[in-house]
Amino acid sequence: MKKAIATLGIKYPVAIDNEYRIWRAFENEYWPAHYCIDAKGMIRHHHFGEGDYDESERVIQKLLVDAGDSMCRRTSLP
C-alpha cells in the first residue's frame, strides 16, 4: 500500500482496516459505504451502495474548499 500511495502521489490519509475496527466503530452494515468527514472530524455525508458518484464528488470538493484547499475546482460546485 505504501508504494501504491507514493506512486499515485496521494497526500491525504488512507485508512487500511484489515481487522474491521473502523467498520465496527461505524456499526457499518453496507458495502460499499462512503463516509465523508470534514476537517473537524464530523460526518457530513454518507452513501451506501453503488452509484451517486456525482453527488459524492460534489460533497468531497465542497469539504476540501471548506477546509481551505485552494486547488479544488470551485467551478464544479453549485
PDB file of N, CA and C in Angstrom:
ATOM      1  N   MET A   1       0.820  -1.186   0.000  1.00  0.00           N
ATOM      2  CA  MET A   1       0.000   0.000   0.000  1.00  0.00           C
ATOM      3  C   MET A   1       0.867   1.253   0.000  1.00  0.00           C
ATOM      4  N   LYS A   2       1.911   1.263   0.809  1.00  0.00           N
ATOM      5  CA  LYS A   2       2.759   2.456   0.876  1.00  0.00           C
ATOM      6  C   LYS A   2       3.344   2.796  -0.486  1.00  0.00           C
ATOM      7  N   LYS A   3       3.752   1.782  -1.220  1.00  0.00           N
ATOM      8  CA  LYS A   3       4.329   2.022  -2.544  1.00  0.00           C
ATOM      9  C   LYS A   3       3.270   2.592  -3.493  1.00  0.00           C
ATOM     10  N   ALA A   4       2.071   2.019  -3.487  1.00  0.00           N
ATOM     11  CA  ALA A   4       0.999   2.499  -4.365  1.00  0.00           C
ATOM     12  C   ALA A   4       0.617   3.933  -4.013  1.00  0.00           C
ATOM     13  N   ILE A   5       0.542   4.236  -2.734  1.00  0.00           N
ATOM     14  CA  ILE A   5       0.202   5.596  -2.292  1.00  0.00           C
ATOM     15  C   ILE A   5       1.260   6.584  -2.777  1.00  0.00           C
ATOM     16  N   ALA A   6       2.517   6.208  -2.641  1.00  0.00           N
ATOM     17  CA  ALA A   6       3.605   7.082  -3.101  1.00  0.00           C
ATOM     18  C   ALA A   6       3.587   7.225  -4.618  1.00  0.00           C
ATOM     19  N   THR A   7       3.393   6.130  -5.330  1.00  0.00           N
ATOM     20  CA  THR A   7       3.361   6.155  -6.792  1.00  0.00           C
ATOM     21  C   THR A   7       2.243   7.054  -7.307  1.00  0.00           C
ATOM     22  N   LEU A   8       1.086   6.986  -6.658  1.00  0.00           N
ATOM     23  CA  LEU A   8      -0.061   7.791  -7.074  1.00  0.00           C
ATOM     24  C   LEU A   8       0.010   9.232  -6.560  1.00  0.00           C
ATOM     25  N   GLY A   9       0.969   9.520  -5.693  1.00  0.00           N
ATOM     26  CA  GLY A   9       1.115  10.878  -5.173  1.00  0.00           C
ATOM     27  C   GLY A   9       0.006  11.281  -4.216  1.00  0.00           C
ATOM     28  N   ILE A  10      -0.574  10.313  -3.533  1.00  0.00           N
ATOM     29  CA  ILE A  10      -1.673  10.599  -2.601  1.00  0.00           C
ATOM     30  C   ILE A  10      -1.107  11.268  -1.352  1.00  0.00           C
ATOM     31  N   LYS A  11      -1.646  12.431  -1.015  1.00  0.00           N
ATOM     32  CA  LYS A  11      -1.145  13.212   0.121  1.00  0.00           C
ATOM     33  C   LYS A  11      -2.074  13.180   1.328  1.00  0.00           C
ATOM     34  N   TYR A  12      -3.266  12.637   1.159  1.00  0.00           N
ATOM     35  CA  TYR A  12      -4.243  12.604   2.247  1.00  0.00           C
ATOM     36  C   TYR A  12      -4.151  11.265   2.986  1.00  0.00           C
ATOM     37  N   PRO A  13      -4.690  11.195   4.198  1.00  0.00           N
ATOM     38  CA  PRO A  13      -4.647   9.931   4.958  1.00  0.00           C
ATOM     39  C   PRO A  13      -5.418   8.823   4.249  1.00  0.00           C
ATOM     40  N   VAL A  14      -4.888   7.631   4.301  1.00  0.00           N
ATOM     41  CA  VAL A  14      -5.533   6.451   3.728  1.00  0.00           C
ATOM     42  C   VAL A  14      -5.713   5.439   4.859  1.00  0.00           C
ATOM     43  N   ALA A  15      -6.944   5.046   5.103  1.00  0.00           N
ATOM     44  CA  ALA A  15      -7.236   4.089   6.177  1.00  0.00           C
ATOM     45  C   ALA A  15      -7.194   2.666   5.627  1.00  0.00           C
ATOM     46  N   ILE A  16      -6.459   1.807   6.287  1.00  0.00           N
ATOM     47  CA  ILE A  16      -6.421   0.386   5.973  1.00  0.00           C
ATOM     48  C   ILE A  16      -7.065  -0.316   7.167  1.00  0.00           C
ATOM     49  N   ASP A  17      -8.158  -1.007   6.918  1.00  0.00           N
ATOM     50  CA  ASP A  17      -8.961  -1.564   8.009  1.00  0.00           C
ATOM     51  C   ASP A  17      -9.071  -3.082   7.900  1.00  0.00           C
ATOM     52  N   ASN A  18      -7.934  -3.759   7.828  1.00  0.00           N
ATOM     53  CA  ASN A  18      -7.934  -5.209   7.652  1.00  0.00           C
ATOM     54  C   ASN A  18      -8.627  -5.951   8.791  1.00  0.00           C
ATOM     55  N   GLU A  19      -8.652  -5.378   9.961  1.00  0.00           N
ATOM     56  CA  GLU A  19      -9.270  -6.049  11.121  1.00  0.00           C
ATOM     57  C   GLU A  19     -10.688  -5.531  11.394  1.00  0.00           C
ATOM     58  N   TYR A  20     -11.219  -4.702  10.501  1.00  0.00           N
ATOM     59  CA  TYR A  20     -12.597  -4.199  10.576  1.00  0.00           C
ATOM     60  C   TYR A  20     -12.882  -3.354  11.821  1.00  0.00           C
ATOM     61  N   ARG A  21     -11.881  -2.736  12.378  1.00  0.00           N
ATOM     62  CA  ARG A  21     -12.104  -1.890  13.556  1.00  0.00           C
ATOM     63  C   ARG A  21     -12.917  -0.647  13.207  1.00  0.00           C
ATOM     64  N   ILE A  22     -12.586  -0.002  12.102  1.00  0.00           N
ATOM     65  CA  ILE A  22     -13.336   1.186  11.680  1.00  0.00           C
ATOM     66  C   ILE A  22     -14.749   0.762  11.271  1.00  0.00           C
ATOM     67  N   TRP A  23     -14.849  -0.316  10.527  1.00  0.00           N
ATOM     68  CA  TRP A  23     -16.145  -0.847  10.091  1.00  0.00           C
ATOM     69  C   TRP A  23     -17.059  -1.039  11.294  1.00  0.00           C
ATOM     70  N   ARG A  24     -16.546  -1.680  12.351  1.00  0.00           N
ATOM     71  CA  ARG A  24     -17.355  -1.935  13.543  1.00  0.00           C
ATOM     72  C   ARG A  24     -17.644  -0.647  14.315  1.00  0.00           C
ATOM     73  N   ALA A  25     -16.683   0.266  14.375  1.00  0.00           N
ATOM     74  CA  ALA A  25     -16.888   1.527  15.098  1.00  0.00           C
ATOM     75  C   ALA A  25     -18.037   2.334  14.496  1.00  0.00           C
ATOM     76  N   PHE A  26     -18.196   2.269  13.173  1.00  0.00           N
ATOM     77  CA  PHE A  26     -19.291   2.954  12.493  1.00  0.00           C
ATOM     78  C   PHE A  26     -20.567   2.118  12.486  1.00  0.00           C
ATOM     79  N   GLU A  27     -20.495   0.910  13.047  1.00  0.00           N
ATOM     80  CA  GLU A  27     -21.617  -0.030  13.004  1.00  0.00           C
ATOM     81  C   GLU A  27     -22.112  -0.205  11.567  1.00  0.00           C
ATOM     82  N   ASN A  28     -21.152  -0.306  10.668  1.00  0.00           N
ATOM     83  CA  ASN A  28     -21.440  -0.382   9.252  1.00  0.00           C
ATOM     84  C   ASN A  28     -22.052  -1.732   8.895  1.00  0.00           C
ATOM     85  N   GLU A  29     -23.073  -1.706   8.057  1.00  0.00           N
ATOM     86  CA  GLU A  29     -23.721  -2.920   7.583  1.00  0.00           C
ATOM     87  C   GLU A  29     -23.762  -2.987   6.059  1.00  0.00           C
ATOM     88  N   TYR A  30     -23.091  -2.053   5.383  1.00  0.00           N
ATOM     89  CA  TYR A  30     -23.229  -1.931   3.936  1.00  0.00           C
ATOM     90  C   TYR A  30     -21.872  -1.960   3.260  1.00  0.00           C
ATOM     91  N   TRP A  31     -21.872  -2.443   2.011  1.00  0.00           N
ATOM     92  CA  TRP A  31     -20.675  -2.407   1.187  1.00  0.00           C
ATOM     93  C   TRP A  31     -21.098  -2.074  -0.239  1.00  0.00           C
ATOM     94  N   PRO A  32     -20.512  -1.084  -0.851  1.00  0.00           N
ATOM     95  CA  PRO A  32     -19.589  -0.139  -0.231  1.00  0.00           C
ATOM     96  C   PRO A  32     -20.332   0.897   0.610  1.00  0.00           C
ATOM     97  N   ALA A  33     -19.606   1.489   1.515  1.00  0.00           N
ATOM     98  CA  ALA A  33     -20.139   2.576   2.334  1.00  0.00           C
ATOM     99  C   ALA A  33     -19.148   3.729   2.258  1.00  0.00           C
ATOM    100  N   HIS A  34     -19.627   4.902   1.885  1.00  0.00           N
ATOM    101  CA  HIS A  34     -18.776   6.096   1.782  1.00  0.00           C
ATOM    102  C   HIS A  34     -19.179   7.068   2.875  1.00  0.00           C
ATOM    103  N   TYR A  35     -18.230   7.433   3.693  1.00  0.00           N
ATOM    104  CA  TYR A  35     -18.443   8.433   4.740  1.00  0.00           C
ATOM    105  C   TYR A  35     -17.534   9.608   4.433  1.00  0.00           C
ATOM    106  N   CYS A  36     -18.103  10.788   4.264  1.00  0.00           N
ATOM    107  CA  CYS A  36     -17.322  11.994   4.023  1.00  0.00           C
ATOM    108  C   CYS A  36     -17.225  12.743   5.348  1.00  0.00           C
ATOM    109  N   ILE A  37     -16.013  12.908   5.825  1.00  0.00           N
ATOM    110  CA  ILE A  37     -15.761  13.508   7.132  1.00  0.00           C
ATOM    111  C   ILE A  37     -15.035  14.825   6.917  1.00  0.00           C
ATOM    112  N   ASP A  38     -15.517  15.885   7.571  1.00  0.00           N
ATOM    113  CA  ASP A  38     -14.924  17.206   7.368  1.00  0.00           C
ATOM    114  C   ASP A  38     -13.636  17.370   8.174  1.00  0.00           C
ATOM    115  N   ALA A  39     -13.008  18.511   8.021  1.00  0.00           N
ATOM    116  CA  ALA A  39     -11.725  18.789   8.671  1.00  0.00           C
ATOM    117  C   ALA A  39     -11.830  18.813  10.191  1.00  0.00           C
ATOM    118  N   LYS A  40     -13.041  18.938  10.711  1.00  0.00           N
ATOM    119  CA  LYS A  40     -13.247  18.935  12.168  1.00  0.00           C
ATOM    120  C   LYS A  40     -13.612  17.554  12.694  1.00  0.00           C
ATOM    121  N   GLY A  41     -13.667  16.561  11.798  1.00  0.00           N
ATOM    122  CA  GLY A  41     -13.946  15.197  12.207  1.00  0.00           C
ATOM    123  C   GLY A  41     -15.413  14.830  12.259  1.00  0.00           C
ATOM    124  N   MET A  42     -16.268  15.669  11.691  1.00  0.00           N
ATOM    125  CA  MET A  42     -17.707  15.405  11.688  1.00  0.00           C
ATOM    126  C   MET A  42     -18.117  14.730  10.376  1.00  0.00           C
ATOM    127  N   ILE A  43     -18.977  13.726  10.468  1.00  0.00           N
ATOM    128  CA  ILE A  43     -19.508  13.097   9.259  1.00  0.00           C
ATOM    129  C   ILE A  43     -20.486  14.080   8.627  1.00  0.00           C
ATOM    130  N   ARG A  44     -20.190  14.482   7.400  1.00  0.00           N
ATOM    131  CA  ARG A  44     -21.028  15.459   6.711  1.00  0.00           C
ATOM    132  C   ARG A  44     -21.882  14.841   5.611  1.00  0.00           C
ATOM    133  N   HIS A  45     -21.539  13.620   5.213  1.00  0.00           N
ATOM    134  CA  HIS A  45     -22.292  12.956   4.141  1.00  0.00           C
ATOM    135  C   HIS A  45     -21.979  11.472   4.204  1.00  0.00           C
ATOM    136  N   HIS A  46     -22.956  10.666   3.867  1.00  0.00           N
ATOM    137  CA  HIS A  46     -22.698   9.243   3.709  1.00  0.00           C
ATOM    138  C   HIS A  46     -23.551   8.706   2.563  1.00  0.00           C
ATOM    139  N   HIS A  47     -23.063   7.648   1.980  1.00  0.00           N
ATOM    140  CA  HIS A  47     -23.799   6.991   0.900  1.00  0.00           C
ATOM    141  C   HIS A  47     -23.503   5.502   0.988  1.00  0.00           C
ATOM    142  N   PHE A  48     -24.559   4.704   0.916  1.00  0.00           N
ATOM    143  CA  PHE A  48     -24.412   3.259   0.975  1.00  0.00           C
ATOM    144  C   PHE A  48     -24.741   2.660  -0.382  1.00  0.00           C
ATOM    145  N   GLY A  49     -23.906   1.748  -0.849  1.00  0.00           N
ATOM    146  CA  GLY A  49     -24.123   1.077  -2.123  1.00  0.00           C
ATOM    147  C   GLY A  49     -23.435   1.788  -3.272  1.00  0.00           C
ATOM    148  N   GLU A  50     -23.619   1.243  -4.439  1.00  0.00           N
ATOM    149  CA  GLU A  50     -23.023   1.815  -5.649  1.00  0.00           C
ATOM    150  C   GLU A  50     -23.831   3.026  -6.112  1.00  0.00           C
ATOM    151  N   GLY A  51     -23.221   3.828  -6.967  1.00  0.00           N
ATOM    152  CA  GLY A  51     -23.914   4.948  -7.591  1.00  0.00           C
ATOM    153  C   GLY A  51     -23.789   6.249  -6.834  1.00  0.00           C
ATOM    154  N   ASP A  52     -24.467   7.266  -7.353  1.00  0.00           N
ATOM    155  CA  ASP A  52     -24.479   8.624  -6.792  1.00  0.00           C
ATOM    156  C   ASP A  52     -23.076   9.229  -6.717  1.00  0.00           C
ATOM    157  N   TYR A  53     -22.247   8.866  -7.690  1.00  0.00           N
ATOM    158  CA  TYR A  53     -20.856   9.314  -7.681  1.00  0.00           C
ATOM    159  C   TYR A  53     -20.723  10.822  -7.876  1.00  0.00           C
ATOM    160  N   ASP A  54     -21.598  11.413  -8.690  1.00  0.00           N
ATOM    161  CA  ASP A  54     -21.534  12.863  -8.898  1.00  0.00           C
ATOM    162  C   ASP A  54     -21.787  13.608  -7.591  1.00  0.00           C
ATOM    163  N   GLU A  55     -22.756  13.159  -6.818  1.00  0.00           N
ATOM    164  CA  GLU A  55     -23.047  13.797  -5.528  1.00  0.00           C
ATOM    165  C   GLU A  55     -21.876  13.618  -4.565  1.00  0.00           C
ATOM    166  N   SER A  56     -21.299  12.430  -4.524  1.00  0.00           N
ATOM    167  CA  SER A  56     -20.141  12.201  -3.649  1.00  0.00           C
ATOM    168  C   SER A  56     -18.988  13.116  -4.034  1.00  0.00           C
ATOM    169  N   GLU A  57     -18.736  13.260  -5.329  1.00  0.00           N
ATOM    170  CA  GLU A  57     -17.663  14.144  -5.797  1.00  0.00           C
ATOM    171  C   GLU A  57     -17.942  15.585  -5.406  1.00  0.00           C
ATOM    172  N   ARG A  58     -19.190  16.032  -5.554  1.00  0.00           N
ATOM    173  CA  ARG A  58     -19.559  17.393  -5.177  1.00  0.00           C
ATOM    174  C   ARG A  58     -19.310  17.620  -3.693  1.00  0.00           C
ATOM    175  N   VAL A  59     -19.697  16.668  -2.861  1.00  0.00           N
ATOM    176  CA  VAL A  59     -19.502  16.796  -1.414  1.00  0.00           C
ATOM    177  C   VAL A  59     -18.021  16.839  -1.077  1.00  0.00           C
ATOM    178  N   ILE A  60     -17.233  15.963  -1.675  1.00  0.00           N
ATOM    179  CA  ILE A  60     -15.787  15.945  -1.414  1.00  0.00           C
ATOM    180  C   ILE A  60     -15.161  17.281  -1.783  1.00  0.00           C
ATOM    181  N   GLN A  61     -15.504  17.799  -2.961  1.00  0.00           N
ATOM    182  CA  GLN A  61     -14.927  19.075  -3.382  1.00  0.00           C
ATOM    183  C   GLN A  61     -15.338  20.207  -2.444  1.00  0.00           C
ATOM    184  N   LYS A  62     -16.594  20.209  -2.000  1.00  0.00           N
ATOM    185  CA  LYS A  62     -17.054  21.244  -1.076  1.00  0.00           C
ATOM    186  C   LYS A  62     -16.308  21.145   0.248  1.00  0.00           C
ATOM    187  N   LEU A  63     -16.122  19.940   0.757  1.00  0.00           N
ATOM    188  CA  LEU A  63     -15.402  19.771   2.018  1.00  0.00           C
ATOM    189  C   LEU A  63     -13.946  20.224   1.891  1.00  0.00           C
ATOM    190  N   LEU A  64     -13.343  19.970   0.741  1.00  0.00           N
ATOM    191  CA  LEU A  64     -11.969  20.428   0.517  1.00  0.00           C
ATOM    192  C   LEU A  64     -11.897  21.953   0.503  1.00  0.00           C
ATOM    193  N   VAL A  65     -12.847  22.582  -0.172  1.00  0.00           N
ATOM    194  CA  VAL A  65     -12.885  24.051  -0.204  1.00  0.00           C
ATOM    195  C   VAL A  65     -13.118  24.585   1.207  1.00  0.00           C
ATOM    196  N   ASP A  66     -14.076  23.991   1.925  1.00  0.00           N
ATOM    197  CA  ASP A  66     -14.357  24.426   3.298  1.00  0.00           C
ATOM    198  C   ASP A  66     -13.130  24.305   4.188  1.00  0.00           C
ATOM    199  N   ALA A  67     -12.282  23.310   3.903  1.00  0.00           N
ATOM    200  CA  ALA A  67     -11.081  23.082   4.706  1.00  0.00           C
ATOM    201  C   ALA A  67      -9.916  23.963   4.258  1.00  0.00           C
ATOM    202  N   GLY A  68     -10.121  24.745   3.184  1.00  0.00           N
ATOM    203  CA  GLY A  68      -9.084  25.679   2.750  1.00  0.00           C
ATOM    204  C   GLY A  68      -8.254  25.209   1.581  1.00  0.00           C
ATOM    205  N   ASP A  69      -8.691  24.204   0.854  1.00  0.00           N
ATOM    206  CA  ASP A  69      -7.956  23.720  -0.309  1.00  0.00           C
ATOM    207  C   ASP A  69      -8.206  24.648  -1.488  1.00  0.00           C
ATOM    208  N   SER A  70      -7.250  25.475  -1.803  1.00  0.00           N
ATOM    209  CA  SER A  70      -7.414  26.446  -2.887  1.00  0.00           C
ATOM    210  C   SER A  70      -7.253  25.808  -4.264  1.00  0.00           C
ATOM    211  N   MET A  71      -6.810  24.565  -4.341  1.00  0.00           N
ATOM    212  CA  MET A  71      -6.619  23.907  -5.624  1.00  0.00           C
ATOM    213  C   MET A  71      -7.887  23.242  -6.128  1.00  0.00           C
ATOM    214  N   CYS A  72      -8.901  23.172  -5.297  1.00  0.00           N
ATOM    215  CA  CYS A  72     -10.138  22.498  -5.669  1.00  0.00           C
ATOM    216  C   CYS A  72     -10.870  23.328  -6.721  1.00  0.00           C
ATOM    217  N   ARG A  73     -11.511  22.637  -7.661  1.00  0.00           N
ATOM    218  CA  ARG A  73     -12.213  23.314  -8.750  1.00  0.00           C
ATOM    219  C   ARG A  73     -13.532  23.884  -8.247  1.00  0.00           C
ATOM    220  N   ARG A  74     -13.560  25.147  -7.938  1.00  0.00           N
ATOM    221  CA  ARG A  74     -14.782  25.783  -7.447  1.00  0.00           C
ATOM    222  C   ARG A  74     -15.860  25.810  -8.519  1.00  0.00           C
ATOM    223  N   THR A  75     -15.490  25.783  -9.765  1.00  0.00           N
ATOM    224  CA  THR A  75     -16.480  25.890 -10.838  1.00  0.00           C
ATOM    225  C   THR A  75     -17.444  24.707 -10.860  1.00  0.00           C
ATOM    226  N   SER A  76     -17.044  23.571 -10.297  1.00  0.00           N
ATOM    227  CA  SER A  76     -17.915  22.406 -10.347  1.00  0.00           C
ATOM    228  C   SER A  76     -18.888  22.350  -9.168  1.00  0.00           C
ATOM    229  N   LEU A  77     -18.774  23.303  -8.251  1.00  0.00           N
ATOM    230  CA  LEU A  77     -19.657  23.333  -7.096  1.00  0.00           C
ATOM    231  C   LEU A  77     -20.886  24.157  -7.391  1.00  0.00           C
ATOM    232  N   PRO A  78     -22.026  23.771  -6.779  1.00  0.00           N
ATOM    233  CA  PRO A  78     -23.250  24.566  -7.012  1.00  0.00           C
ATOM    234  C   PRO A  78     -23.167  25.930  -6.351  1.00  0.00           C
TER     235      PRO A  78
END
